[in-house]
Protein backbone atom coordinates (compact mmCIF):
# COMPACT_ATOMS: atom_id res chain seq x y z
CA MET A 1 4.80 -38.25 6.17
CA ARG A 2 1.87 -35.97 7.20
CA PRO A 3 0.91 -33.20 5.22
CA LEU A 4 2.17 -30.61 7.56
CA ASP A 5 5.36 -32.05 8.16
CA GLU A 6 5.52 -32.54 4.44
CA LEU A 7 5.36 -29.06 4.11
CA ILE A 8 7.66 -27.99 6.45
CA LEU A 9 10.40 -29.64 4.50
CA LYS A 10 9.59 -28.11 1.52
CA LYS A 11 10.12 -25.10 3.22
CA GLN A 12 13.50 -25.96 4.63
CA VAL A 13 14.21 -26.77 0.89
CA LEU A 14 13.22 -23.89 -0.78
CA LEU A 15 15.15 -21.75 2.28
CA ASN A 16 18.56 -23.73 1.70
CA SER A 17 18.35 -23.23 -1.77
CA ASP A 18 21.70 -21.17 -3.78
CA LYS A 19 18.67 -18.49 -4.70
CA PRO A 20 16.37 -18.76 -1.52
CA VAL A 21 12.68 -17.16 -2.53
CA ARG A 22 11.04 -14.63 -1.40
CA ALA A 23 8.22 -15.75 1.13
CA ARG A 24 5.30 -14.22 -0.87
CA ASN A 25 7.02 -16.66 -3.96
CA ALA A 26 7.41 -19.63 -1.75
CA ALA A 27 4.07 -19.81 -0.47
CA GLU A 28 2.73 -19.89 -4.10
CA GLN A 29 4.41 -22.10 -4.89
CA LEU A 30 3.46 -24.52 -2.31
CA GLY A 31 -0.32 -23.52 -3.12
CA ILE A 32 -0.56 -22.23 0.71
CA SER A 33 -1.18 -18.42 1.80
CA GLU A 34 2.03 -16.49 3.13
CA ALA A 35 0.68 -16.77 7.01
CA GLN A 36 0.15 -20.63 6.15
CA TYR A 37 4.28 -20.29 4.72
CA VAL A 38 4.96 -18.45 7.79
CA ALA A 39 3.26 -20.34 10.80
CA LEU A 40 5.11 -23.58 9.11
CA SER A 41 7.82 -22.31 10.94
CA LEU A 42 6.07 -21.68 14.62
CA GLY A 43 8.76 -22.57 17.07
CA ASP A 44 11.95 -22.92 14.52
CA GLY A 45 11.92 -19.11 13.97
CA ALA A 46 8.76 -17.76 14.21
CA VAL A 47 6.17 -17.14 17.42
CA GLU A 48 2.86 -16.25 17.06
CA LEU A 49 1.78 -12.61 18.88
CA ASP A 50 -1.69 -11.96 20.51
CA MET A 51 -3.79 -9.93 17.66
CA GLN A 52 -5.74 -8.86 20.59
CA CYS A 53 -3.06 -6.88 22.23
CA VAL A 54 -2.62 -5.15 18.42
CA LYS A 55 -3.10 -1.60 19.50
CA ASP A 56 -1.09 -2.11 22.71
CA LEU A 57 1.68 -3.75 20.59
CA PHE A 58 1.76 -0.65 18.05
CA ASP A 59 1.94 1.64 21.40
CA GLN A 60 5.22 0.58 22.44
CA LEU A 61 7.12 0.92 19.09
CA ALA A 62 8.63 4.46 19.78
CA SER A 63 10.84 3.12 22.25
CA CYS A 64 12.79 0.66 19.55
CA GLY A 65 13.97 3.43 18.21
CA GLU A 66 14.31 3.71 13.89
CA LEU A 67 11.95 0.87 11.66
CA MET A 68 11.51 0.17 8.69
CA ALA A 69 7.46 0.00 8.07
CA LEU A 70 6.39 -2.27 4.68
CA THR A 71 3.38 -2.40 2.94
CA ARG A 72 3.15 -4.06 -0.19
CA ASN A 73 -0.03 -5.24 -2.60
CA ASN A 74 0.57 -7.67 -5.71
CA GLU A 75 2.16 -5.10 -7.52
CA VAL A 76 3.66 -2.05 -5.15
CA VAL A 77 5.79 -2.60 -1.73
CA ILE A 78 6.46 0.50 -0.11
CA GLU A 79 9.48 0.50 1.99
CA ARG A 80 10.30 3.91 5.31
CA LYS A 81 12.31 3.79 8.08
CA GLY A 82 11.21 5.96 10.97
CA ILE A 83 9.68 5.64 14.06
CA TYR A 84 6.52 4.40 14.59
CA GLN A 85 5.15 7.19 16.89
CA THR A 86 1.95 8.80 18.61
CA PRO A 87 -1.01 6.06 16.97
CA LYS A 88 -3.85 6.65 17.49
CA ALA A 89 -7.41 4.97 17.16
CA VAL A 90 -9.83 6.17 15.06
CA ASN A 91 -13.07 4.41 13.58
CA GLU A 92 -11.65 1.14 14.18
CA ALA A 93 -8.29 1.54 12.38
CA LEU A 94 -5.24 3.16 13.74
CA ILE A 95 -3.57 5.86 11.76
CA LEU A 96 -0.21 6.85 12.23
CA VAL A 97 0.54 10.72 10.64
CA ASN A 98 4.32 10.80 11.09
CA LYS A 99 7.35 12.88 9.08
CA ASP A 100 8.32 8.82 7.86
CA ILE A 101 6.04 6.41 9.41
CA ASN A 102 2.64 7.89 7.77
CA LEU A 103 0.10 5.01 7.84
CA ARG A 104 -3.28 3.57 8.26
CA LEU A 105 -3.85 0.58 9.61
CA ARG A 106 -6.87 -1.34 9.26
CA ILE A 107 -5.84 -3.72 12.67
CA ASN A 108 -9.41 -4.77 13.10
CA ALA A 109 -9.06 -6.60 9.74
CA TRP A 110 -6.04 -8.23 10.86
CA ARG A 111 -5.96 -11.77 12.44
CA TYR A 112 -2.98 -13.30 11.93
CA GLY A 113 0.68 -11.75 13.47
CA PHE A 114 4.32 -12.95 14.42
CA ALA A 115 7.66 -12.47 15.69
CA VAL A 116 10.15 -13.67 12.45
CA ASN A 117 13.28 -14.73 13.11
CA GLU A 118 15.32 -15.03 9.31
CA ASN A 119 18.77 -15.31 9.56
CA GLY A 120 18.91 -13.03 12.45
CA ARG A 121 16.98 -10.41 10.81
CA GLN A 122 13.77 -9.90 12.94
CA SER A 123 10.43 -8.40 12.45
CA LEU A 124 7.00 -8.35 12.93
CA GLN A 125 4.50 -9.89 10.37
CA PHE A 126 0.78 -8.83 10.07
CA PHE A 127 -2.29 -10.96 7.54
CA GLY A 128 -5.23 -10.48 7.42
CA ALA A 129 -8.08 -13.47 7.07
CA ASP A 130 -7.15 -14.18 3.53
CA GLY A 131 -4.00 -15.08 5.04
CA VAL A 132 -2.27 -12.20 2.79
CA ALA A 133 0.03 -9.63 4.43
CA ALA A 134 -1.23 -6.66 5.56
CA HIS A 135 1.78 -4.80 7.12
CA LYS A 136 5.24 -5.61 7.61
CA ILE A 137 7.84 -4.12 10.53
CA TYR A 138 11.85 -5.08 10.50
CA ALA A 139 14.56 -4.17 12.80
CA THR A 140 17.00 -1.99 11.39
CA ASP A 141 21.08 -1.58 11.88
CA LEU A 142 19.75 1.51 14.31
CA THR A 143 16.94 -0.21 16.29
CA HIS A 144 17.10 -0.73 20.24
CA LYS A 145 17.00 -4.82 19.52
CA SER A 146 17.32 -5.96 23.29
CA ILE A 147 13.69 -3.40 23.44
CA PHE A 148 12.22 -4.89 20.19
CA GLN A 149 12.79 -8.51 21.39
CA GLY A 150 11.39 -7.86 25.05
CA LEU A 151 8.12 -6.44 22.64
CA ILE A 152 8.02 -9.76 21.41
CA ASN A 153 8.32 -11.61 24.40
CA ARG A 154 5.80 -9.22 25.71
CA PHE A 155 3.20 -9.89 22.94
CA LYS A 156 4.11 -13.52 22.34
CA LEU A 157 1.30 -16.28 22.34
CA PRO A 158 2.58 -19.20 24.57
CA GLU A 159 5.06 -21.54 22.00
CA THR A 160 2.30 -23.42 20.22
CA GLN A 161 3.45 -26.17 17.58
CA ALA A 162 3.94 -25.71 13.50
CA LYS A 163 0.33 -25.27 12.42
CA LEU A 164 -1.66 -24.95 9.56
CA LEU A 165 -3.61 -21.41 10.15
CA GLU A 166 -7.32 -21.60 8.69
CA ILE A 167 -7.80 -19.31 6.14
CA SER A 168 -10.79 -17.93 4.88
CA PRO A 169 -10.70 -17.46 1.30
CA ALA A 170 -10.94 -13.62 -0.01
CA GLN A 171 -14.42 -12.17 -0.94
CA LYS A 172 -14.19 -10.88 -4.24
CA ILE A 173 -16.64 -7.42 -4.83
CA GLU A 174 -18.36 -6.82 -7.25
CA SER A 175 -19.82 -3.30 -8.61
CA ASN A 176 -23.11 -2.82 -7.50
CA HIS A 177 -25.68 -0.89 -9.11
CA PRO A 178 -28.70 -0.06 -7.15
CA LYS A 179 -30.26 1.69 -9.32
CA PRO A 180 -30.21 2.82 -13.35
CA LEU A 181 -26.87 4.47 -13.41
CA ASN A 182 -27.61 8.23 -13.95
CA ALA A 183 -24.73 9.25 -15.84
CA ASP A 184 -25.09 12.87 -15.93
CA ALA A 185 -25.84 12.72 -12.68
CA PHE A 186 -22.19 11.20 -11.25
CA LYS A 187 -20.56 13.69 -13.62
CA GLN A 188 -22.02 16.72 -11.22
CA ALA A 189 -21.77 14.99 -8.75
CA TRP A 190 -17.76 14.51 -9.21
CA ARG A 191 -18.21 18.09 -9.33
CA ASN A 192 -19.72 19.14 -6.62
CA LEU A 193 -17.10 17.35 -4.65
CA ASN A 194 -15.37 19.28 -1.59
CA ASP A 195 -13.46 17.20 0.65
CA ALA A 196 -11.17 14.36 -1.65
CA HIS A 197 -11.88 11.77 0.90
CA GLU A 198 -15.59 12.16 -0.61
CA VAL A 199 -14.81 9.91 -3.06
CA ASN A 200 -15.29 6.40 -1.87
CA ASN A 201 -18.42 7.56 -0.55
CA LEU A 202 -19.70 8.75 -4.06
CA LEU A 203 -18.71 5.56 -5.36
CA ALA A 204 -20.55 3.34 -3.09
CA ASP A 205 -23.34 6.23 -3.62
CA PHE A 206 -23.60 5.15 -7.64
CA GLY A 207 -22.73 1.32 -7.31
CA LEU A 208 -19.44 2.19 -9.53
CA SER A 209 -16.20 0.87 -9.64
CA ARG A 210 -12.97 3.93 -9.88
CA LEU A 211 -12.66 2.66 -13.44
CA GLU A 212 -16.30 2.84 -14.06
CA ALA A 213 -16.66 5.97 -12.33
CA TYR A 214 -13.41 7.01 -14.68
CA ALA A 215 -14.93 5.68 -18.11
CA LEU A 216 -18.23 7.83 -17.42
CA LEU A 217 -16.21 11.50 -16.38
CA ASP A 218 -15.33 13.71 -19.34
CA HIS A 219 -11.56 13.69 -20.06
CA GLN A 220 -10.77 16.66 -18.36
CA ASP A 221 -11.95 14.81 -15.44
CA ALA A 222 -10.60 11.75 -15.95
CA GLN A 223 -8.09 10.36 -18.47
CA ARG A 224 -6.08 6.90 -18.90
CA LEU A 225 -3.00 7.75 -20.08
CA GLN A 226 0.06 5.74 -21.86
CA ALA A 227 1.02 1.99 -21.36
CA ASP A 228 4.44 4.14 -20.01
CA ALA A 229 3.20 6.04 -18.05
CA LEU A 230 4.76 5.22 -15.22
CA ASN A 231 8.23 5.24 -15.98
CA THR A 232 7.47 8.55 -17.62
CA LEU A 233 5.72 10.10 -14.36
CA PHE A 234 8.50 9.43 -11.84
CA THR A 235 11.57 10.37 -14.60
CA LEU A 236 9.72 13.43 -14.96
CA ILE A 237 9.24 13.77 -10.65
CA ALA A 238 13.12 13.03 -10.51
CA GLU A 239 13.92 15.31 -12.85
CA GLN A 240 12.06 18.55 -11.46
CA GLN A 241 12.63 17.46 -7.57
CA LEU A 242 8.88 17.77 -7.71
CA PRO A 243 7.98 17.09 -4.21
CA ILE A 244 4.68 14.36 -3.56
CA MET A 245 2.54 12.29 -1.62
CA LEU A 246 2.53 8.52 -2.15
CA PHE A 247 -0.35 6.16 -1.47
CA VAL A 248 -0.01 2.14 -1.18
CA PRO A 249 -2.77 0.35 -0.31
CA ASN A 250 -3.94 -3.60 0.42
CA LYS A 251 -7.49 -3.95 1.31
CA VAL A 252 -5.83 -3.29 4.94
CA ALA A 253 -3.44 -0.71 5.47
CA THR A 254 -1.95 2.09 3.30
CA GLN A 255 1.12 3.28 3.75
CA ILE A 256 1.72 6.54 2.05
CA PHE A 257 4.92 8.81 1.29
CA THR A 258 5.77 12.45 1.31
CA GLY A 259 8.68 14.46 -0.19
CA HIS A 260 11.06 13.96 -2.96
CA ILE A 261 12.88 11.32 -4.82
CA HIS A 262 15.90 11.17 -6.43
CA LYS A 263 17.48 7.12 -7.63
CA LEU A 264 15.40 5.61 -9.96
CA LEU A 265 16.42 2.04 -11.14
CA GLU A 266 14.97 -0.23 -13.58
CA THR A 267 15.43 -4.49 -13.03
CA GLY A 268 13.72 -6.92 -15.25
CA PRO A 269 10.15 -6.42 -14.50
CA TRP A 270 10.80 -3.83 -11.82
CA PHE A 271 11.04 0.20 -11.91
CA ASN A 272 12.36 1.27 -8.52
CA VAL A 273 12.84 3.97 -6.46
CA LEU A 274 15.62 3.37 -4.50
CA ASP A 275 16.53 6.10 -1.63
CA PRO A 276 18.34 6.58 1.92
CA GLY A 277 15.35 5.21 4.21
CA PHE A 278 13.47 4.70 1.29
CA ASP A 279 12.49 2.22 -1.08
CA LEU A 280 9.66 1.92 -3.88
CA HIS A 281 9.27 -1.59 -6.11
CA MET A 282 6.70 -1.18 -8.76
CA SER A 283 5.55 -3.73 -11.17
CA LEU A 284 5.75 -3.26 -14.48
CA SER A 285 4.22 -6.16 -16.27
CA GLY A 286 1.82 -6.15 -13.23
CA ILE A 287 0.17 -2.62 -13.22
CA ASN A 288 -2.34 -2.87 -15.92
CA GLN A 289 -3.50 1.01 -16.54
CA ALA A 290 -2.96 4.64 -15.20
CA TRP A 291 -5.64 7.15 -15.39
CA ARG A 292 -4.62 10.87 -14.98
CA VAL A 293 -7.70 12.18 -12.03
CA THR A 294 -8.83 15.58 -11.68
CA LYS A 295 -11.39 17.06 -8.86
CA HIS A 296 -12.53 19.89 -8.57
CA LEU A 297 -12.91 20.17 -4.77
CA LYS A 298 -15.42 23.24 -3.62
CA PRO A 299 -14.29 24.58 -0.52
CA THR A 300 -16.79 25.11 2.55
CA ASP A 301 -15.98 28.67 2.92
CA SER A 302 -18.17 29.82 -0.57
CA GLN A 303 -15.97 33.37 -0.84
CA GLU A 304 -12.97 30.37 -1.22
CA PRO A 305 -12.36 29.76 -5.24
CA VAL A 306 -12.36 26.42 -6.26
CA GLN A 307 -9.09 23.81 -5.97
CA ALA A 308 -8.31 21.30 -8.61
CA THR A 309 -6.35 18.31 -7.87
CA HIS A 310 -4.57 16.20 -9.87
CA SER A 311 -3.71 12.24 -9.40
CA VAL A 312 -2.35 9.47 -11.56
CA GLU A 313 -3.84 6.17 -10.30
CA PHE A 314 -2.81 3.01 -11.43
CA PHE A 315 -4.73 -0.45 -11.10
CA ASN A 316 -3.88 -3.78 -11.80
CA ALA A 317 -5.53 -5.97 -14.07
CA GLN A 318 -7.62 -6.43 -12.19
CA GLY A 319 -9.13 -3.23 -12.23
CA GLU A 320 -7.70 -2.86 -8.01
CA LEU A 321 -6.00 0.15 -7.29
CA VAL A 322 -2.29 -0.31 -6.38
CA MET A 323 -0.57 3.21 -5.66
CA PHE A 324 -2.08 7.15 -6.73
CA VAL A 325 0.05 10.34 -7.07
CA TYR A 326 -0.47 13.26 -6.08
CA LEU A 327 1.51 16.77 -5.61
CA GLU A 328 2.16 17.17 -1.77
CA PRO A 329 -0.42 19.22 -0.29
CA ASP A 330 1.48 22.94 0.34
CA ALA A 331 3.56 22.15 -2.89
CA ASN A 332 -0.19 22.87 -4.86
CA LYS A 333 0.13 26.41 -3.30
CA LYS A 334 2.91 27.00 -4.35
CA PRO A 335 1.87 28.41 -8.33
CA GLU A 336 5.36 27.06 -9.80
CA LEU A 337 5.58 23.83 -8.40
CA TYR A 338 1.63 23.87 -9.39
CA THR A 339 2.12 24.87 -12.75
CA ARG A 340 4.74 22.51 -12.89
CA TRP A 341 3.02 19.37 -12.17
CA HIS A 342 -0.11 20.20 -14.19
CA THR A 343 2.32 20.76 -16.87
CA GLY A 344 4.20 17.63 -16.45
CA LEU A 345 0.75 15.19 -16.61
CA GLU A 346 -0.53 17.44 -19.57
CA SER A 347 2.44 16.22 -21.61
CA LEU A 348 1.53 12.61 -20.36
CA SER A 349 -1.84 13.34 -21.68
CA ARG A 350 -0.22 14.46 -24.61
CA LEU A 351 1.28 11.17 -25.47
CA ASN A 352 -1.42 9.20 -25.10
CA LYS A 353 -2.16 6.89 -27.63
CA THR A 354 -4.93 4.30 -25.85
CA GLU A 355 -8.48 4.60 -28.26
CA GLU A 356 -10.84 6.98 -26.27
């Protein structure tokens, strides 16, 4: 039997088992990427999409009505129902800023796309060159199914036989110190930030990863939190009904949630938010570190006061940022909410039992 045929057969065995394994885990069991796993079903539940027309496809998604947006990394999965309205191309990325669907998509780094039908559940799934999932779009009960299927028919490639895709290994990015590090200069530059979006450029200028940078900063600017900070933080947010802005990034997509959270549930190794139209799944075993981070942003208008923004950032064992949480921007301007958020983060810091 050819290796490809053997993989197809093994996939069928997994799909027909009493407890079917999720695609990401099934691919790992077979020793292939998730994109390759999906491609095993080409012609039998999956069709390949024309990746030259991704922007055009996204321009048409609003006509489908409600869809479910899913973005994930190894440790966090975010799912949000809404309408894919007004996508805009900015610097080789696609940006959607809507009440429910808020995305930053590096579509220029996406290589594979599929329309998948899993026992009647339809989705569009996109992957990077390394075969890792970038972003997925699922039809819901409120989706205009005929329009959704029409888009698939319009943007699919001609039918192809099942194949194993050529996958490029992910490149490991090493920290790079272009010159002897001046810690005092970095700490001063951090204090002189004008905008939170300047952080990545600042880190690049000094050749620092986020964790390296936070270890250098004074405690009032960055402090590592206790091991159970994730549970404690989300319980605080839900109990005090604090509006938040939450980001879940992978290397080629970021999905953002803004609003309140309510129902929390811990199931095995996962800590979950299970609200109408919004689900969040966080791996308790995979999230390795939590840091409270403060940015003292200096407005361009020197007459305005310095604005301190406080966030909590979560990392995996590889030091990758997997989720970060802010108080919702408008709430920052409301003294009562700002004080409750700041007080809550201070309590997390006081509970910190990590050796400094």
